[in-house]
Amino acid sequence: MSPTVFIEKGFRFLFFSREEPRIHVHVQCPQGEAKFWLEPRLELARS
């Protein structure tokens, strides 16, 4: 299950429960997907 945090201008922000302990968020749009670390600072993990 991947709960949606919110949707804005075609971007879906979501997370996967139990994926890993480091806090992050996935962002999906029609062109692809990215993953951002939220701790210890905002950082692109992959796109």
N, C-alpha and C. Protein backbone atom coordinates (compact mmCIF):
# COMPACT_ATOMS: atom_id res chain seq x y z
N MET A 1 0.84 -1.18 0.00
CA MET A 1 0.00 0.00 0.00
C MET A 1 0.88 1.24 0.00
N SER A 2 0.52 2.24 -0.78
CA SER A 2 1.29 3.47 -0.84
C SER A 2 0.36 4.67 -0.65
N PRO A 3 0.21 5.13 0.59
CA PRO A 3 -0.67 6.27 0.86
C PRO A 3 -0.20 7.55 0.18
N THR A 4 -1.12 8.26 -0.43
CA THR A 4 -0.82 9.55 -1.05
C THR A 4 -0.85 10.63 0.02
N VAL A 5 0.23 11.41 0.09
CA VAL A 5 0.31 12.53 1.03
C VAL A 5 -0.50 13.69 0.47
N PHE A 6 -0.24 14.05 -0.79
CA PHE A 6 -1.07 15.03 -1.48
C PHE A 6 -0.76 15.01 -2.97
N ILE A 7 -1.59 15.67 -3.76
CA ILE A 7 -1.42 15.79 -5.20
C ILE A 7 -1.45 17.27 -5.54
N GLU A 8 -0.47 17.71 -6.32
CA GLU A 8 -0.37 19.12 -6.70
C GLU A 8 0.13 19.23 -8.13
N LYS A 9 -0.66 19.87 -9.00
CA LYS A 9 -0.29 20.13 -10.39
C LYS A 9 0.23 18.88 -11.11
N GLY A 10 -0.45 17.77 -10.91
CA GLY A 10 -0.08 16.54 -11.59
C GLY A 10 1.00 15.71 -10.91
N PHE A 11 1.53 16.20 -9.79
CA PHE A 11 2.54 15.47 -9.02
C PHE A 11 1.88 14.79 -7.83
N ARG A 12 2.13 13.50 -7.68
CA ARG A 12 1.58 12.73 -6.55
C ARG A 12 2.72 12.46 -5.57
N PHE A 13 2.56 12.89 -4.34
CA PHE A 13 3.55 12.69 -3.28
C PHE A 13 3.07 11.53 -2.42
N LEU A 14 3.88 10.51 -2.26
CA LEU A 14 3.45 9.31 -1.55
C LEU A 14 4.61 8.65 -0.83
N PHE A 15 4.28 7.67 0.00
CA PHE A 15 5.32 6.89 0.67
C PHE A 15 4.87 5.44 0.70
N PHE A 16 5.85 4.56 0.88
CA PHE A 16 5.59 3.14 1.00
C PHE A 16 5.88 2.75 2.44
N SER A 17 4.90 2.20 3.11
CA SER A 17 5.11 1.82 4.51
C SER A 17 6.12 0.67 4.58
N ARG A 18 6.96 0.73 5.60
CA ARG A 18 7.96 -0.30 5.88
C ARG A 18 9.04 -0.43 4.80
N GLU A 19 9.22 0.58 3.98
CA GLU A 19 10.25 0.49 2.93
C GLU A 19 11.65 0.57 3.53
N GLU A 20 11.89 1.57 4.36
CA GLU A 20 13.17 1.76 5.03
C GLU A 20 13.01 2.80 6.13
N PRO A 21 13.91 2.82 7.11
CA PRO A 21 13.73 3.72 8.26
C PRO A 21 14.00 5.20 7.97
N ARG A 22 14.87 5.52 7.01
CA ARG A 22 15.19 6.92 6.72
C ARG A 22 13.97 7.59 6.08
N ILE A 23 13.57 8.74 6.61
CA ILE A 23 12.36 9.42 6.15
C ILE A 23 12.56 9.98 4.74
N HIS A 24 11.64 9.65 3.85
CA HIS A 24 11.71 10.09 2.47
C HIS A 24 10.31 10.12 1.87
N VAL A 25 10.20 10.68 0.68
CA VAL A 25 8.93 10.73 -0.03
C VAL A 25 9.19 10.44 -1.50
N HIS A 26 8.25 9.76 -2.13
CA HIS A 26 8.30 9.50 -3.57
C HIS A 26 7.40 10.52 -4.25
N VAL A 27 7.80 10.96 -5.43
CA VAL A 27 7.01 11.90 -6.21
C VAL A 27 6.82 11.28 -7.59
N GLN A 28 5.56 11.13 -8.00
CA GLN A 28 5.26 10.55 -9.30
C GLN A 28 4.52 11.56 -10.16
N CYS A 29 4.80 11.51 -11.46
CA CYS A 29 4.08 12.31 -12.45
C CYS A 29 4.06 11.49 -13.74
N PRO A 30 3.34 11.92 -14.75
CA PRO A 30 3.29 11.14 -15.99
C PRO A 30 4.67 10.92 -16.64
N GLN A 31 5.62 11.82 -16.40
CA GLN A 31 6.94 11.70 -17.00
C GLN A 31 7.90 10.80 -16.22
N GLY A 32 7.57 10.42 -15.00
CA GLY A 32 8.47 9.56 -14.23
C GLY A 32 8.26 9.68 -12.74
N GLU A 33 9.30 9.28 -12.01
CA GLU A 33 9.22 9.23 -10.55
C GLU A 33 10.57 9.64 -9.96
N ALA A 34 10.53 10.23 -8.77
CA ALA A 34 11.74 10.59 -8.04
C ALA A 34 11.54 10.24 -6.57
N LYS A 35 12.65 10.14 -5.86
CA LYS A 35 12.61 9.86 -4.42
C LYS A 35 13.48 10.91 -3.74
N PHE A 36 12.94 11.54 -2.68
CA PHE A 36 13.65 12.57 -1.95
C PHE A 36 13.82 12.16 -0.50
N TRP A 37 15.05 12.27 0.01
CA TRP A 37 15.30 12.11 1.44
C TRP A 37 14.83 13.38 2.12
N LEU A 38 14.18 13.26 3.27
CA LEU A 38 13.72 14.42 4.02
C LEU A 38 14.60 14.70 5.23
N GLU A 39 15.41 13.73 5.62
CA GLU A 39 16.33 13.88 6.77
C GLU A 39 17.70 13.36 6.38
N PRO A 40 18.78 13.88 6.85
CA PRO A 40 18.88 15.02 7.76
C PRO A 40 18.68 16.36 7.04
N ARG A 41 18.67 16.32 5.67
CA ARG A 41 18.34 17.52 4.89
C ARG A 41 17.65 17.05 3.61
N LEU A 42 16.91 17.92 2.98
CA LEU A 42 16.23 17.59 1.75
C LEU A 42 17.26 17.28 0.66
N GLU A 43 17.16 16.10 0.04
CA GLU A 43 18.14 15.67 -0.94
C GLU A 43 17.49 14.70 -1.91
N LEU A 44 17.81 14.84 -3.20
CA LEU A 44 17.31 13.91 -4.21
C LEU A 44 18.04 12.58 -4.04
N ALA A 45 17.28 11.51 -3.84
CA ALA A 45 17.87 10.18 -3.72
C ALA A 45 18.03 9.54 -5.09
N ARG A 46 17.01 9.66 -5.93
CA ARG A 46 17.07 9.14 -7.30
C ARG A 46 15.92 9.72 -8.10
N SER A 47 16.09 9.69 -9.43
CA SER A 47 14.99 10.12 -10.31
C SER A 47 15.04 9.30 -11.57
